[in-house]
Amino acid sequence: LARAIEERGFTALAVAEHTHIPASRESAYPLGGELPSIYYRTPDPFVTLAAAAAVTSTIELITGIALLIQRDPIVTAKEAASIDL
């Protein structure tokens, strides 16, 4: 995906993090219907961006949402810094 984005002239790739998806819910999904299946497939943002960094050279890599309060700060800093090697 990252290589295709770069080849098509886009300047950035942003990924989000969702760590908790409910198995069931009492309230309705705000847009109606069931929760879209894409929400069940949210890979780790730092792993995803590291993979993107390995195959691109010009695009900006962004965590659109990173749930920092749920992460170990030292490990998160190391993961983020590893992307920029």
Protein backbone atom coordinates (compact mmCIF):
# COMPACT_ATOMS: atom_id res chain seq x y z
CA LEU A 1 0.00 0.00 0.00
CA ALA A 2 2.72 2.50 0.95
CA ARG A 3 4.65 1.91 -2.27
CA ALA A 4 1.47 2.41 -4.33
CA ILE A 5 0.69 5.62 -2.45
CA GLU A 6 4.16 6.98 -3.12
CA GLU A 7 4.09 5.95 -6.81
CA ARG A 8 0.81 7.80 -7.30
CA GLY A 9 2.24 11.06 -5.99
CA PHE A 10 0.69 11.18 -2.55
CA THR A 11 2.84 12.84 0.09
CA ALA A 12 1.78 11.01 3.26
CA LEU A 13 0.40 7.83 4.78
CA ALA A 14 -1.56 8.12 8.03
CA VAL A 15 -2.61 5.14 10.12
CA ALA A 16 -4.77 4.94 13.24
CA GLU A 17 -4.80 2.72 16.28
CA HIS A 18 -7.84 1.02 17.76
CA THR A 19 -7.03 -1.48 20.48
CA HIS A 20 -10.46 -2.37 21.79
CA ILE A 21 -13.35 -3.42 19.57
CA PRO A 22 -16.44 -4.58 21.48
CA ALA A 23 -17.64 -8.14 20.94
CA SER A 24 -21.18 -6.84 21.41
CA ARG A 25 -22.78 -3.49 22.12
CA GLU A 26 -25.98 -2.06 23.49
CA SER A 27 -25.89 1.25 21.66
CA ALA A 28 -26.38 1.56 17.92
CA TYR A 29 -23.52 2.34 15.56
CA PRO A 30 -23.90 6.10 14.86
CA LEU A 31 -24.01 5.65 11.09
CA GLY A 32 -26.56 2.83 11.28
CA GLY A 33 -26.22 -0.89 10.71
CA GLU A 34 -23.36 -2.99 11.98
CA LEU A 35 -19.86 -1.76 12.79
CA PRO A 36 -17.89 -1.91 9.50
CA SER A 37 -15.55 -4.90 9.32
CA ILE A 38 -12.55 -2.64 8.66
CA TYR A 39 -12.60 -1.69 12.34
CA TYR A 40 -11.81 -5.29 13.25
CA ARG A 41 -8.56 -5.21 11.24
CA THR A 42 -6.44 -2.45 12.70
CA PRO A 43 -2.75 -3.40 12.78
CA ASP A 44 -0.29 -1.76 15.15
CA PRO A 45 0.53 1.72 13.77
CA PHE A 46 4.27 1.54 14.47
CA VAL A 47 4.67 -1.86 12.82
CA THR A 48 2.66 -0.63 9.83
CA LEU A 49 4.70 2.55 9.49
CA ALA A 50 7.99 0.64 9.85
CA ALA A 51 6.93 -1.63 6.98
CA ALA A 52 5.99 1.44 4.93
CA ALA A 53 9.34 3.08 5.70
CA ALA A 54 11.15 -0.01 4.42
CA VAL A 55 9.65 0.31 0.92
CA THR A 56 9.33 4.10 0.45
CA SER A 57 11.65 7.08 0.49
CA THR A 58 9.63 10.26 0.12
CA ILE A 59 6.23 9.99 1.82
CA GLU A 60 5.57 11.31 5.30
CA LEU A 61 4.56 8.62 7.79
CA ILE A 62 1.94 9.68 10.34
CA THR A 63 0.12 8.16 13.28
CA GLY A 64 -3.32 9.67 12.85
CA ILE A 65 -4.25 8.30 16.25
CA ALA A 66 -1.92 6.58 18.69
CA LEU A 67 -3.38 5.58 22.04
CA LEU A 68 -0.36 6.70 24.03
CA ILE A 69 -2.06 6.45 27.40
CA GLN A 70 -2.39 2.71 26.82
CA ARG A 71 1.25 2.23 25.82
CA ASP A 72 4.49 1.96 27.72
CA PRO A 73 6.23 5.33 27.11
CA ILE A 74 9.76 3.92 26.75
CA VAL A 75 8.72 1.16 24.36
CA THR A 76 6.61 3.60 22.33
CA ALA A 77 9.51 6.04 22.04
CA LYS A 78 11.78 3.23 20.89
CA GLU A 79 9.23 2.03 18.32
CA ALA A 80 8.71 5.53 16.93
CA ALA A 81 12.45 6.23 16.76
CA SER A 82 13.06 2.91 15.01
CA ILE A 83 10.93 4.02 12.07
CA ASP A 84 13.34 6.91 11.39
CA LEU A 85 16.52 4.84 11.10
